[in-house]
Amino acid sequence: ESPSRTVLSIGVASTPYPPFRHIGKDLCSVGLYSEEGRITENGVESVPTFAKPVHVGTVIGCGYDASTGMVFFTSNGEFLGNGNEEPMWRAFHAAVAADGECSFSVNFGQEEFLYDPANELR
């Protein structure tokens, strides 16, 4: 759940990552931003109109395909595409950042994913 004034960034980052930065604002990170649905990769807004803005109740998925080096995003189980333009060969961890008050839940595979192809990797 995210009030309209709070911006969430959801994605992946490598360690160490500054705790005060949105995901995608530093090197070795890719993030989807809730307010405009834009992607930021390695500090550069790479895909400004990637998805629709994220609203309360939207389920965003993010995955890393280690065989291709690509980070992908889903919305309510629908594939949106890859968030990075070039393969990234890194050890990533899931990351979420917010610039205000909000609540959300995270599924690391303990429940089925809405995006069916990801369930094969559980």
PDB file of N, CA and C in Angstrom:
ATOM      1  N   GLU A   1       0.853  -1.175   0.000  1.00  0.00           N
ATOM      2  CA  GLU A   1       0.000   0.000   0.000  1.00  0.00           C
ATOM      3  C   GLU A   1       0.896   1.234   0.000  1.00  0.00           C
ATOM      4  N   SER A   2       0.620   2.188  -0.839  1.00  0.00           N
ATOM      5  CA  SER A   2       1.478   3.362  -0.976  1.00  0.00           C
ATOM      6  C   SER A   2       0.636   4.620  -1.146  1.00  0.00           C
ATOM      7  N   PRO A   3       0.698   5.542  -0.181  1.00  0.00           N
ATOM      8  CA  PRO A   3       0.009   6.817  -0.405  1.00  0.00           C
ATOM      9  C   PRO A   3       0.571   7.493  -1.646  1.00  0.00           C
ATOM     10  N   SER A   4      -0.220   8.306  -2.329  1.00  0.00           N
ATOM     11  CA  SER A   4       0.204   8.895  -3.596  1.00  0.00           C
ATOM     12  C   SER A   4       1.460   9.749  -3.458  1.00  0.00           C
ATOM     13  N   ARG A   5       1.742  10.261  -2.282  1.00  0.00           N
ATOM     14  CA  ARG A   5       2.924  11.107  -2.111  1.00  0.00           C
ATOM     15  C   ARG A   5       4.211  10.295  -1.895  1.00  0.00           C
ATOM     16  N   THR A   6       4.072   9.003  -1.644  1.00  0.00           N
ATOM     17  CA  THR A   6       5.235   8.154  -1.412  1.00  0.00           C
ATOM     18  C   THR A   6       5.654   7.491  -2.707  1.00  0.00           C
ATOM     19  N   VAL A   7       6.944   7.553  -3.012  1.00  0.00           N
ATOM     20  CA  VAL A   7       7.487   6.886  -4.198  1.00  0.00           C
ATOM     21  C   VAL A   7       8.232   5.643  -3.744  1.00  0.00           C
ATOM     22  N   LEU A   8       7.893   4.512  -4.346  1.00  0.00           N
ATOM     23  CA  LEU A   8       8.590   3.253  -4.112  1.00  0.00           C
ATOM     24  C   LEU A   8       9.480   2.960  -5.304  1.00  0.00           C
ATOM     25  N   SER A   9      10.620   2.366  -5.055  1.00  0.00           N
ATOM     26  CA  SER A   9      11.430   1.792  -6.129  1.00  0.00           C
ATOM     27  C   SER A   9      11.654   0.327  -5.766  1.00  0.00           C
ATOM     28  N   ILE A  10      11.450  -0.521  -6.755  1.00  0.00           N
ATOM     29  CA  ILE A  10      11.485  -1.963  -6.566  1.00  0.00           C
ATOM     30  C   ILE A  10      12.444  -2.515  -7.604  1.00  0.00           C
ATOM     31  N   GLY A  11      13.365  -3.378  -7.185  1.00  0.00           N
ATOM     32  CA  GLY A  11      14.291  -3.940  -8.155  1.00  0.00           C
ATOM     33  C   GLY A  11      15.360  -4.787  -7.524  1.00  0.00           C
ATOM     34  N   VAL A  12      16.558  -4.695  -8.085  1.00  0.00           N
ATOM     35  CA  VAL A  12      17.710  -5.448  -7.592  1.00  0.00           C
ATOM     36  C   VAL A  12      18.905  -4.510  -7.463  1.00  0.00           C
ATOM     37  N   ALA A  13      19.789  -4.872  -6.546  1.00  0.00           N
ATOM     38  CA  ALA A  13      21.012  -4.083  -6.322  1.00  0.00           C
ATOM     39  C   ALA A  13      22.116  -5.024  -5.866  1.00  0.00           C
ATOM     40  N   SER A  14      23.348  -4.625  -6.088  1.00  0.00           N
ATOM     41  CA  SER A  14      24.468  -5.397  -5.572  1.00  0.00           C
ATOM     42  C   SER A  14      24.901  -4.789  -4.241  1.00  0.00           C
ATOM     43  N   THR A  15      25.665  -5.537  -3.494  1.00  0.00           N
ATOM     44  CA  THR A  15      26.135  -5.099  -2.181  1.00  0.00           C
ATOM     45  C   THR A  15      27.534  -4.535  -2.315  1.00  0.00           C
ATOM     46  N   PRO A  16      27.870  -3.481  -1.601  1.00  0.00           N
ATOM     47  CA  PRO A  16      26.999  -2.698  -0.718  1.00  0.00           C
ATOM     48  C   PRO A  16      26.188  -1.689  -1.528  1.00  0.00           C
ATOM     49  N   TYR A  17      25.001  -1.364  -1.023  1.00  0.00           N
ATOM     50  CA  TYR A  17      24.151  -0.364  -1.668  1.00  0.00           C
ATOM     51  C   TYR A  17      23.782   0.680  -0.630  1.00  0.00           C
ATOM     52  N   PRO A  18      23.891   1.966  -0.965  1.00  0.00           N
ATOM     53  CA  PRO A  18      23.594   3.007   0.014  1.00  0.00           C
ATOM     54  C   PRO A  18      22.145   2.928   0.504  1.00  0.00           C
ATOM     55  N   PRO A  19      21.922   2.892   1.797  1.00  0.00           N
ATOM     56  CA  PRO A  19      20.561   2.756   2.329  1.00  0.00           C
ATOM     57  C   PRO A  19      19.677   3.988   2.105  1.00  0.00           C
ATOM     58  N   PHE A  20      20.261   5.093   1.709  1.00  0.00           N
ATOM     59  CA  PHE A  20      19.508   6.337   1.532  1.00  0.00           C
ATOM     60  C   PHE A  20      19.178   6.620   0.063  1.00  0.00           C
ATOM     61  N   ARG A  21      19.429   5.667  -0.838  1.00  0.00           N
ATOM     62  CA  ARG A  21      19.214   5.886  -2.273  1.00  0.00           C
ATOM     63  C   ARG A  21      18.106   4.990  -2.798  1.00  0.00           C
ATOM     64  N   HIS A  22      17.316   5.525  -3.739  1.00  0.00           N
ATOM     65  CA  HIS A  22      16.346   4.693  -4.431  1.00  0.00           C
ATOM     66  C   HIS A  22      17.074   3.677  -5.296  1.00  0.00           C
ATOM     67  N   ILE A  23      16.411   2.565  -5.560  1.00  0.00           N
ATOM     68  CA  ILE A  23      16.997   1.484  -6.345  1.00  0.00           C
ATOM     69  C   ILE A  23      17.137   1.955  -7.796  1.00  0.00           C
ATOM     70  N   GLY A  24      18.313   1.745  -8.356  1.00  0.00           N
ATOM     71  CA  GLY A  24      18.607   2.169  -9.721  1.00  0.00           C
ATOM     72  C   GLY A  24      19.395   3.455  -9.789  1.00  0.00           C
ATOM     73  N   LYS A  25      19.507   4.167  -8.677  1.00  0.00           N
ATOM     74  CA  LYS A  25      20.201   5.453  -8.664  1.00  0.00           C
ATOM     75  C   LYS A  25      21.717   5.312  -8.584  1.00  0.00           C
ATOM     76  N   ASP A  26      22.211   4.150  -8.219  1.00  0.00           N
ATOM     77  CA  ASP A  26      23.647   3.912  -8.150  1.00  0.00           C
ATOM     78  C   ASP A  26      24.028   2.776  -9.097  1.00  0.00           C
ATOM     79  N   LEU A  27      25.333   2.615  -9.313  1.00  0.00           N
ATOM     80  CA  LEU A  27      25.825   1.547 -10.174  1.00  0.00           C
ATOM     81  C   LEU A  27      25.376   0.187  -9.666  1.00  0.00           C
ATOM     82  N   CYS A  28      25.255  -0.734 -10.571  1.00  0.00           N
ATOM     83  CA  CYS A  28      24.910  -2.124 -10.271  1.00  0.00           C
ATOM     84  C   CYS A  28      23.545  -2.257  -9.610  1.00  0.00           C
ATOM     85  N   SER A  29      22.573  -1.492 -10.112  1.00  0.00           N
ATOM     86  CA  SER A  29      21.203  -1.606  -9.622  1.00  0.00           C
ATOM     87  C   SER A  29      20.220  -1.242 -10.730  1.00  0.00           C
ATOM     88  N   VAL A  30      19.033  -1.837 -10.640  1.00  0.00           N
ATOM     89  CA  VAL A  30      17.953  -1.572 -11.585  1.00  0.00           C
ATOM     90  C   VAL A  30      16.671  -1.449 -10.776  1.00  0.00           C
ATOM     91  N   GLY A  31      15.917  -0.362 -10.976  1.00  0.00           N
ATOM     92  CA  GLY A  31      14.707  -0.165 -10.201  1.00  0.00           C
ATOM     93  C   GLY A  31      13.538   0.341 -11.026  1.00  0.00           C
ATOM     94  N   LEU A  32      12.348  -0.114 -10.681  1.00  0.00           N
ATOM     95  CA  LEU A  32      11.089   0.359 -11.258  1.00  0.00           C
ATOM     96  C   LEU A  32      10.475   1.328 -10.258  1.00  0.00           C
ATOM     97  N   TYR A  33      10.111   2.519 -10.719  1.00  0.00           N
ATOM     98  CA  TYR A  33       9.580   3.579  -9.852  1.00  0.00           C
ATOM     99  C   TYR A  33       8.067   3.630  -9.931  1.00  0.00           C
ATOM    100  N   SER A  34       7.432   3.684  -8.772  1.00  0.00           N
ATOM    101  CA  SER A  34       5.976   3.569  -8.682  1.00  0.00           C
ATOM    102  C   SER A  34       5.224   4.743  -9.287  1.00  0.00           C
ATOM    103  N   GLU A  35       5.722   5.955  -9.156  1.00  0.00           N
ATOM    104  CA  GLU A  35       4.918   7.126  -9.526  1.00  0.00           C
ATOM    105  C   GLU A  35       4.731   7.293 -11.021  1.00  0.00           C
ATOM    106  N   GLU A  36       5.674   6.837 -11.825  1.00  0.00           N
ATOM    107  CA  GLU A  36       5.568   6.999 -13.276  1.00  0.00           C
ATOM    108  C   GLU A  36       5.751   5.699 -14.036  1.00  0.00           C
ATOM    109  N   GLY A  37       6.122   4.629 -13.329  1.00  0.00           N
ATOM    110  CA  GLY A  37       6.381   3.367 -14.011  1.00  0.00           C
ATOM    111  C   GLY A  37       7.657   3.392 -14.824  1.00  0.00           C
ATOM    112  N   ARG A  38       8.607   4.233 -14.428  1.00  0.00           N
ATOM    113  CA  ARG A  38       9.853   4.334 -15.192  1.00  0.00           C
ATOM    114  C   ARG A  38      10.931   3.441 -14.596  1.00  0.00           C
ATOM    115  N   ILE A  39      11.897   3.095 -15.423  1.00  0.00           N
ATOM    116  CA  ILE A  39      13.039   2.281 -15.003  1.00  0.00           C
ATOM    117  C   ILE A  39      14.264   3.171 -14.887  1.00  0.00           C
ATOM    118  N   THR A  40      15.025   2.971 -13.827  1.00  0.00           N
ATOM    119  CA  THR A  40      16.323   3.612 -13.688  1.00  0.00           C
ATOM    120  C   THR A  40      17.360   2.513 -13.504  1.00  0.00           C
ATOM    121  N   GLU A  41      18.430   2.593 -14.287  1.00  0.00           N
ATOM    122  CA  GLU A  41      19.478   1.571 -14.270  1.00  0.00           C
ATOM    123  C   GLU A  41      20.834   2.247 -14.131  1.00  0.00           C
ATOM    124  N   ASN A  42      21.605   1.825 -13.139  1.00  0.00           N
ATOM    125  CA  ASN A  42      22.962   2.355 -12.946  1.00  0.00           C
ATOM    126  C   ASN A  42      22.998   3.880 -12.901  1.00  0.00           C
ATOM    127  N   GLY A  43      21.986   4.480 -12.299  1.00  0.00           N
ATOM    128  CA  GLY A  43      21.951   5.931 -12.143  1.00  0.00           C
ATOM    129  C   GLY A  43      21.387   6.684 -13.329  1.00  0.00           C
ATOM    130  N   VAL A  44      20.924   5.974 -14.355  1.00  0.00           N
ATOM    131  CA  VAL A  44      20.401   6.611 -15.559  1.00  0.00           C
ATOM    132  C   VAL A  44      18.969   6.145 -15.790  1.00  0.00           C
ATOM    133  N   GLU A  45      18.078   7.109 -16.045  1.00  0.00           N
ATOM    134  CA  GLU A  45      16.708   6.750 -16.397  1.00  0.00           C
ATOM    135  C   GLU A  45      16.750   6.169 -17.794  1.00  0.00           C
ATOM    136  N   SER A  46      16.626   4.844 -17.870  1.00  0.00           N
ATOM    137  CA  SER A  46      16.831   4.190 -19.158  1.00  0.00           C
ATOM    138  C   SER A  46      15.537   3.936 -19.924  1.00  0.00           C
ATOM    139  N   VAL A  47      14.439   3.709 -19.223  1.00  0.00           N
ATOM    140  CA  VAL A  47      13.169   3.444 -19.880  1.00  0.00           C
ATOM    141  C   VAL A  47      12.105   4.277 -19.172  1.00  0.00           C
ATOM    142  N   PRO A  48      11.858   5.514 -19.621  1.00  0.00           N
ATOM    143  CA  PRO A  48      10.963   6.406 -18.881  1.00  0.00           C
ATOM    144  C   PRO A  48       9.494   6.003 -18.881  1.00  0.00           C
ATOM    145  N   THR A  49       9.021   5.274 -19.868  1.00  0.00           N
ATOM    146  CA  THR A  49       7.606   4.889 -19.905  1.00  0.00           C
ATOM    147  C   THR A  49       7.477   3.375 -19.960  1.00  0.00           C
ATOM    148  N   PHE A  50       8.102   2.708 -19.039  1.00  0.00           N
ATOM    149  CA  PHE A  50       8.168   1.248 -19.013  1.00  0.00           C
ATOM    150  C   PHE A  50       6.826   0.619 -18.655  1.00  0.00           C
ATOM    151  N   ALA A  51       6.129   1.187 -17.676  1.00  0.00           N
ATOM    152  CA  ALA A  51       4.878   0.599 -17.179  1.00  0.00           C
ATOM    153  C   ALA A  51       3.942   1.702 -16.721  1.00  0.00           C
ATOM    154  N   LYS A  52       2.705   1.332 -16.440  1.00  0.00           N
ATOM    155  CA  LYS A  52       1.761   2.282 -15.856  1.00  0.00           C
ATOM    156  C   LYS A  52       2.184   2.572 -14.426  1.00  0.00           C
ATOM    157  N   PRO A  53       1.810   3.733 -13.888  1.00  0.00           N
ATOM    158  CA  PRO A  53       2.109   4.006 -12.480  1.00  0.00           C
ATOM    159  C   PRO A  53       1.533   2.910 -11.587  1.00  0.00           C
ATOM    160  N   VAL A  54       2.224   2.644 -10.500  1.00  0.00           N
ATOM    161  CA  VAL A  54       1.827   1.601  -9.561  1.00  0.00           C
ATOM    162  C   VAL A  54       0.859   2.195  -8.545  1.00  0.00           C
ATOM    163  N   HIS A  55      -0.253   1.516  -8.330  1.00  0.00           N
ATOM    164  CA  HIS A  55      -1.261   1.978  -7.381  1.00  0.00           C
ATOM    165  C   HIS A  55      -1.444   0.946  -6.280  1.00  0.00           C
ATOM    166  N   VAL A  56      -2.137   1.314  -5.234  1.00  0.00           N
ATOM    167  CA  VAL A  56      -2.441   0.401  -4.146  1.00  0.00           C
ATOM    168  C   VAL A  56      -3.089  -0.855  -4.723  1.00  0.00           C
ATOM    169  N   GLY A  57      -2.581  -2.002  -4.339  1.00  0.00           N
ATOM    170  CA  GLY A  57      -3.110  -3.277  -4.816  1.00  0.00           C
ATOM    171  C   GLY A  57      -2.379  -3.859  -6.006  1.00  0.00           C
ATOM    172  N   THR A  58      -1.529  -3.087  -6.673  1.00  0.00           N
ATOM    173  CA  THR A  58      -0.746  -3.598  -7.798  1.00  0.00           C
ATOM    174  C   THR A  58       0.338  -4.531  -7.277  1.00  0.00           C
ATOM    175  N   VAL A  59       0.509  -5.669  -7.906  1.00  0.00           N
ATOM    176  CA  VAL A  59       1.553  -6.616  -7.528  1.00  0.00           C
ATOM    177  C   VAL A  59       2.679  -6.507  -8.549  1.00  0.00           C
ATOM    178  N   ILE A  60       3.824  -6.016  -8.097  1.00  0.00           N
ATOM    179  CA  ILE A  60       4.997  -5.881  -8.957  1.00  0.00           C
ATOM    180  C   ILE A  60       5.929  -7.060  -8.709  1.00  0.00           C
ATOM    181  N   GLY A  61       6.387  -7.674  -9.779  1.00  0.00           N
ATOM    182  CA  GLY A  61       7.368  -8.743  -9.683  1.00  0.00           C
ATOM    183  C   GLY A  61       8.672  -8.297 -10.295  1.00  0.00           C
ATOM    184  N   CYS A  62       9.752  -8.798  -9.748  1.00  0.00           N
ATOM    185  CA  CYS A  62      11.086  -8.495 -10.280  1.00  0.00           C
ATOM    186  C   CYS A  62      11.914  -9.761 -10.180  1.00  0.00           C
ATOM    187  N   GLY A  63      12.601 -10.089 -11.265  1.00  0.00           N
ATOM    188  CA  GLY A  63      13.442 -11.273 -11.266  1.00  0.00           C
ATOM    189  C   GLY A  63      14.728 -11.035 -12.019  1.00  0.00           C
ATOM    190  N   TYR A  64      15.693 -11.888 -11.747  1.00  0.00           N
ATOM    191  CA  TYR A  64      16.987 -11.824 -12.424  1.00  0.00           C
ATOM    192  C   TYR A  64      17.227 -13.167 -13.091  1.00  0.00           C
ATOM    193  N   ASP A  65      17.430 -13.157 -14.392  1.00  0.00           N
ATOM    194  CA  ASP A  65      17.727 -14.367 -15.146  1.00  0.00           C
ATOM    195  C   ASP A  65      19.244 -14.489 -15.251  1.00  0.00           C
ATOM    196  N   ALA A  66      19.817 -15.348 -14.427  1.00  0.00           N
ATOM    197  CA  ALA A  66      21.280 -15.485 -14.374  1.00  0.00           C
ATOM    198  C   ALA A  66      21.855 -16.041 -15.674  1.00  0.00           C
ATOM    199  N   SER A  67      21.035 -16.698 -16.489  1.00  0.00           N
ATOM    200  CA  SER A  67      21.554 -17.240 -17.752  1.00  0.00           C
ATOM    201  C   SER A  67      21.717 -16.166 -18.823  1.00  0.00           C
ATOM    202  N   THR A  68      20.975 -15.054 -18.699  1.00  0.00           N
ATOM    203  CA  THR A  68      21.059 -13.976 -19.689  1.00  0.00           C
ATOM    204  C   THR A  68      21.613 -12.673 -19.112  1.00  0.00           C
ATOM    205  N   GLY A  69      21.669 -12.557 -17.780  1.00  0.00           N
ATOM    206  CA  GLY A  69      22.118 -11.319 -17.146  1.00  0.00           C
ATOM    207  C   GLY A  69      21.067 -10.218 -17.182  1.00  0.00           C
ATOM    208  N   MET A  70      19.822 -10.585 -17.434  1.00  0.00           N
ATOM    209  CA  MET A  70      18.764  -9.585 -17.561  1.00  0.00           C
ATOM    210  C   MET A  70      17.853  -9.573 -16.332  1.00  0.00           C
ATOM    211  N   VAL A  71      17.438  -8.361 -15.961  1.00  0.00           N
ATOM    212  CA  VAL A  71      16.484  -8.139 -14.876  1.00  0.00           C
ATOM    213  C   VAL A  71      15.129  -7.887 -15.523  1.00  0.00           C
ATOM    214  N   PHE A  72      14.100  -8.606 -15.074  1.00  0.00           N
ATOM    215  CA  PHE A  72      12.778  -8.414 -15.680  1.00  0.00           C
ATOM    216  C   PHE A  72      11.764  -7.984 -14.624  1.00  0.00           C
ATOM    217  N   PHE A  73      10.684  -7.384 -15.101  1.00  0.00           N
ATOM    218  CA  PHE A  73       9.615  -6.908 -14.223  1.00  0.00           C
ATOM    219  C   PHE A  73       8.278  -7.426 -14.719  1.00  0.00           C
ATOM    220  N   THR A  74       7.353  -7.618 -13.763  1.00  0.00           N
ATOM    221  CA  THR A  74       5.986  -8.004 -14.073  1.00  0.00           C
ATOM    222  C   THR A  74       5.035  -7.097 -13.292  1.00  0.00           C
ATOM    223  N   SER A  75       3.813  -7.014 -13.754  1.00  0.00           N
ATOM    224  CA  SER A  75       2.768  -6.269 -13.050  1.00  0.00           C
ATOM    225  C   SER A  75       1.511  -7.123 -13.041  1.00  0.00           C
ATOM    226  N   ASN A  76       1.066  -7.482 -11.846  1.00  0.00           N
ATOM    227  CA  ASN A  76      -0.113  -8.348 -11.690  1.00  0.00           C
ATOM    228  C   ASN A  76      -0.002  -9.618 -12.532  1.00  0.00           C
ATOM    229  N   GLY A  77       1.200 -10.178 -12.596  1.00  0.00           N
ATOM    230  CA  GLY A  77       1.442 -11.429 -13.304  1.00  0.00           C
ATOM    231  C   GLY A  77       1.718 -11.308 -14.785  1.00  0.00           C
ATOM    232  N   GLU A  78       1.659 -10.095 -15.332  1.00  0.00           N
ATOM    233  CA  GLU A  78       1.929  -9.874 -16.764  1.00  0.00           C
ATOM    234  C   GLU A  78       3.369  -9.415 -16.957  1.00  0.00           C
ATOM    235  N   PHE A  79       4.073 -10.047 -17.880  1.00  0.00           N
ATOM    236  CA  PHE A  79       5.461  -9.684 -18.172  1.00  0.00           C
ATOM    237  C   PHE A  79       5.521  -8.282 -18.772  1.00  0.00           C
ATOM    238  N   LEU A  80       6.347  -7.409 -18.195  1.00  0.00           N
ATOM    239  CA  LEU A  80       6.515  -6.046 -18.712  1.00  0.00           C
ATOM    240  C   LEU A  80       7.718  -5.926 -19.631  1.00  0.00           C
ATOM    241  N   GLY A  81       8.751  -6.724 -19.370  1.00  0.00           N
ATOM    242  CA  GLY A  81       9.970  -6.653 -20.164  1.00  0.00           C
ATOM    243  C   GLY A  81      11.196  -6.586 -19.280  1.00  0.00           C
ATOM    244  N   ASN A  82      12.335  -6.452 -19.934  1.00  0.00           N
ATOM    245  CA  ASN A  82      13.607  -6.352 -19.219  1.00  0.00           C
ATOM    246  C   ASN A  82      13.867  -4.908 -18.821  1.00  0.00           C
ATOM    247  N   GLY A  83      14.409  -4.739 -17.641  1.00  0.00           N
ATOM    248  CA  GLY A  83      14.688  -3.406 -17.125  1.00  0.00           C
ATOM    249  C   GLY A  83      16.063  -2.888 -17.477  1.00  0.00           C
ATOM    250  N   ASN A  84      16.980  -3.774 -17.834  1.00  0.00           N
ATOM    251  CA  ASN A  84      18.322  -3.334 -18.196  1.00  0.00           C
ATOM    252  C   ASN A  84      18.541  -3.521 -19.687  1.00  0.00           C
ATOM    253  N   GLU A  85      19.348  -2.615 -20.245  1.00  0.00           N
ATOM    254  CA  GLU A  85      19.597  -2.642 -21.686  1.00  0.00           C
ATOM    255  C   GLU A  85      20.711  -3.599 -22.066  1.00  0.00           C
ATOM    256  N   GLU A  86      21.677  -3.775 -21.176  1.00  0.00           N
ATOM    257  CA  GLU A  86      22.805  -4.675 -21.408  1.00  0.00           C
ATOM    258  C   GLU A  86      22.831  -5.704 -20.281  1.00  0.00           C
ATOM    259  N   PRO A  87      23.325  -6.922 -20.550  1.00  0.00           N
ATOM    260  CA  PRO A  87      23.415  -7.915 -19.479  1.00  0.00           C
ATOM    261  C   PRO A  87      24.248  -7.404 -18.302  1.00  0.00           C
ATOM    262  N   MET A  88      23.828  -7.758 -17.112  1.00  0.00           N
ATOM    263  CA  MET A  88      24.538  -7.401 -15.879  1.00  0.00           C
ATOM    264  C   MET A  88      24.905  -8.698 -15.172  1.00  0.00           C
ATOM    265  N   TRP A  89      26.187  -8.977 -15.096  1.00  0.00           N
ATOM    266  CA  TRP A  89      26.653 -10.219 -14.492  1.00  0.00           C
ATOM    267  C   TRP A  89      27.105  -9.914 -13.073  1.00  0.00           C
ATOM    268  N   ARG A  90      26.178  -9.901 -12.145  1.00  0.00           N
ATOM    269  CA  ARG A  90      26.432  -9.542 -10.755  1.00  0.00           C
ATOM    270  C   ARG A  90      25.696 -10.491  -9.824  1.00  0.00           C
ATOM    271  N   ALA A  91      26.130 -10.480  -8.579  1.00  0.00           N
ATOM    272  CA  ALA A  91      25.356 -11.117  -7.511  1.00  0.00           C
ATOM    273  C   ALA A  91      24.416 -10.040  -6.976  1.00  0.00           C
ATOM    274  N   PHE A  92      23.133 -10.173  -7.254  1.00  0.00           N
ATOM    275  CA  PHE A  92      22.135  -9.190  -6.850  1.00  0.00           C
ATOM    276  C   PHE A  92      21.336  -9.672  -5.648  1.00  0.00           C
ATOM    277  N   HIS A  93      20.754  -8.727  -4.961  1.00  0.00           N
ATOM    278  CA  HIS A  93      19.741  -9.040  -3.956  1.00  0.00           C
ATOM    279  C   HIS A  93      18.513  -8.187  -4.259  1.00  0.00           C
ATOM    280  N   ALA A  94      17.367  -8.696  -3.832  1.00  0.00           N
ATOM    281  CA  ALA A  94      16.123  -7.942  -4.002  1.00  0.00           C
ATOM    282  C   ALA A  94      16.203  -6.671  -3.172  1.00  0.00           C
ATOM    283  N   ALA A  95      15.606  -5.596  -3.681  1.00  0.00           N
ATOM    284  CA  ALA A  95      15.685  -4.320  -2.970  1.00  0.00           C
ATOM    285  C   ALA A  95      14.408  -3.520  -3.179  1.00  0.00           C
ATOM    286  N   VAL A  96      13.987  -2.858  -2.108  1.00  0.00           N
ATOM    287  CA  VAL A  96      12.835  -1.965  -2.146  1.00  0.00           C
ATOM    288  C   VAL A  96      13.211  -0.719  -1.363  1.00  0.00           C
ATOM    289  N   ALA A  97      12.852   0.441  -1.898  1.00  0.00           N
ATOM    290  CA  ALA A  97      13.105   1.703  -1.192  1.00  0.00           C
ATOM    291  C   ALA A  97      11.843   2.558  -1.273  1.00  0.00           C
ATOM    292  N   ALA A  98      11.652   3.400  -0.265  1.00  0.00           N
ATOM    293  CA  ALA A  98      10.506   4.309  -0.236  1.00  0.00           C
ATOM    294  C   ALA A  98      10.963   5.638   0.333  1.00  0.00           C
ATOM    295  N   ASP A  99      10.380   6.725  -0.178  1.00  0.00           N
ATOM    296  CA  ASP A  99      10.753   8.046   0.339  1.00  0.00           C
ATOM    297  C   ASP A  99       9.716   8.597   1.315  1.00  0.00           C
ATOM    298  N   GLY A 100       8.835   7.727   1.793  1.00  0.00           N
ATOM    299  CA  GLY A 100       7.818   8.130   2.756  1.00  0.00           C
ATOM    300  C   GLY A 100       7.170   6.915   3.379  1.00  0.00           C
ATOM    301  N   GLU A 101       6.103   7.152   4.095  1.00  0.00           N
ATOM    302  CA  GLU A 101       5.405   6.081   4.785  1.00  0.00           C
ATOM    303  C   GLU A 101       4.653   5.187   3.801  1.00  0.00           C
ATOM    304  N   CYS A 102       4.758   3.880   4.012  1.00  0.00           N
ATOM    305  CA  CYS A 102       4.042   2.915   3.177  1.00  0.00           C
ATOM    306  C   CYS A 102       4.110   1.546   3.832  1.00  0.00           C
ATOM    307  N   SER A 103       3.356   0.618   3.304  1.00  0.00           N
ATOM    308  CA  SER A 103       3.471  -0.775   3.722  1.00  0.00           C
ATOM    309  C   SER A 103       3.381  -1.641   2.478  1.00  0.00           C
ATOM    310  N   PHE A 104       4.064  -2.782   2.511  1.00  0.00           N
ATOM    311  CA  PHE A 104       4.061  -3.706   1.386  1.00  0.00           C
ATOM    312  C   PHE A 104       4.433  -5.085   1.902  1.00  0.00           C
ATOM    313  N   SER A 105       4.202  -6.087   1.100  1.00  0.00           N
ATOM    314  CA  SER A 105       4.634  -7.441   1.442  1.00  0.00           C
ATOM    315  C   SER A 105       5.554  -7.943   0.342  1.00  0.00           C
ATOM    316  N   VAL A 106       6.377  -8.919   0.688  1.00  0.00           N
ATOM    317  CA  VAL A 106       7.378  -9.452  -0.234  1.00  0.00           C
ATOM    318  C   VAL A 106       7.209 -10.966  -0.310  1.00  0.00           C
ATOM    319  N   ASN A 107       7.294 -11.515  -1.506  1.00  0.00           N
ATOM    320  CA  ASN A 107       7.207 -12.955  -1.720  1.00  0.00           C
ATOM    321  C   ASN A 107       8.514 -13.420  -2.344  1.00  0.00           C
ATOM    322  N   PHE A 108       9.295 -14.169  -1.580  1.00  0.00           N
ATOM    323  CA  PHE A 108      10.557 -14.717  -2.082  1.00  0.00           C
ATOM    324  C   PHE A 108      10.402 -16.157  -2.547  1.00  0.00           C
ATOM    325  N   GLY A 109       9.163 -16.542  -2.862  1.00  0.00           N
ATOM    326  CA  GLY A 109       8.900 -17.887  -3.336  1.00  0.00           C
ATOM    327  C   GLY A 109       8.196 -18.759  -2.312  1.00  0.00           C
ATOM    328  N   GLN A 110       7.902 -18.224  -1.146  1.00  0.00           N
ATOM    329  CA  GLN A 110       7.171 -19.005  -0.152  1.00  0.00           C
ATOM    330  C   GLN A 110       5.725 -19.238  -0.585  1.00  0.00           C
ATOM    331  N   GLU A 111       5.220 -18.411  -1.497  1.00  0.00           N
ATOM    332  CA  GLU A 111       3.909 -18.578  -2.115  1.00  0.00           C
ATOM    333  C   GLU A 111       4.099 -18.578  -3.625  1.00  0.00           C
ATOM    334  N   GLU A 112       3.095 -19.053  -4.363  1.00  0.00           N
ATOM    335  CA  GLU A 112       3.184 -19.019  -5.818  1.00  0.00           C
ATOM    336  C   GLU A 112       3.296 -17.584  -6.312  1.00  0.00           C
ATOM    337  N   PHE A 113       4.073 -17.396  -7.375  1.00  0.00           N
ATOM    338  CA  PHE A 113       4.177 -16.094  -8.014  1.00  0.00           C
ATOM    339  C   PHE A 113       2.999 -15.913  -8.969  1.00  0.00           C
ATOM    340  N   LEU A 114       2.558 -14.681  -9.165  1.00  0.00           N
ATOM    341  CA  LEU A 114       1.508 -14.413 -10.145  1.00  0.00           C
ATOM    342  C   LEU A 114       2.019 -14.650 -11.563  1.00  0.00           C
ATOM    343  N   TYR A 115       3.306 -14.433 -11.782  1.00  0.00           N
ATOM    344  CA  TYR A 115       3.936 -14.653 -13.088  1.00  0.00           C
ATOM    345  C   TYR A 115       4.322 -16.130 -13.171  1.00  0.00           C
ATOM    346  N   ASP A 116       3.530 -16.919 -13.871  1.00  0.00           N
ATOM    347  CA  ASP A 116       3.692 -18.378 -13.891  1.00  0.00           C
ATOM    348  C   ASP A 116       5.088 -18.882 -14.226  1.00  0.00           C
ATOM    349  N   PRO A 117       5.780 -18.345 -15.251  1.00  0.00           N
ATOM    350  CA  PRO A 117       7.122 -18.878 -15.563  1.00  0.00           C
ATOM    351  C   PRO A 117       8.101 -18.826 -14.375  1.00  0.00           C
ATOM    352  N   ALA A 118       7.915 -17.898 -13.468  1.00  0.00           N
ATOM    353  CA  ALA A 118       8.812 -17.791 -12.312  1.00  0.00           C
ATOM    354  C   ALA A 118       8.576 -18.928 -11.322  1.00  0.00           C
ATOM    355  N   ASN A 119       7.416 -19.538 -11.355  1.00  0.00           N
ATOM    356  CA  ASN A 119       7.132 -20.640 -10.428  1.00  0.00           C
ATOM    357  C   ASN A 119       7.989 -21.861 -10.693  1.00  0.00           C
ATOM    358  N   GLU A 120       8.481 -22.004 -11.926  1.00  0.00           N
ATOM    359  CA  GLU A 120       9.376 -23.117 -12.245  1.00  0.00           C
ATOM    360  C   GLU A 120      10.698 -23.005 -11.507  1.00  0.00           C
ATOM    361  N   LEU A 121      11.046 -21.827 -11.040  1.00  0.00           N
ATOM    362  CA  LEU A 121      12.323 -21.594 -10.356  1.00  0.00           C
ATOM    363  C   LEU A 121      12.204 -21.664  -8.839  1.00  0.00           C
ATOM    364  N   ARG A 122      11.004 -21.840  -8.320  1.00  0.00           N
ATOM    365  CA  ARG A 122      10.791 -21.871  -6.870  1.00  0.00           C
ATOM    366  C   ARG A 122      11.396 -23.087  -6.240  1.00  0.00           C
TER     367      ARG A 122
END
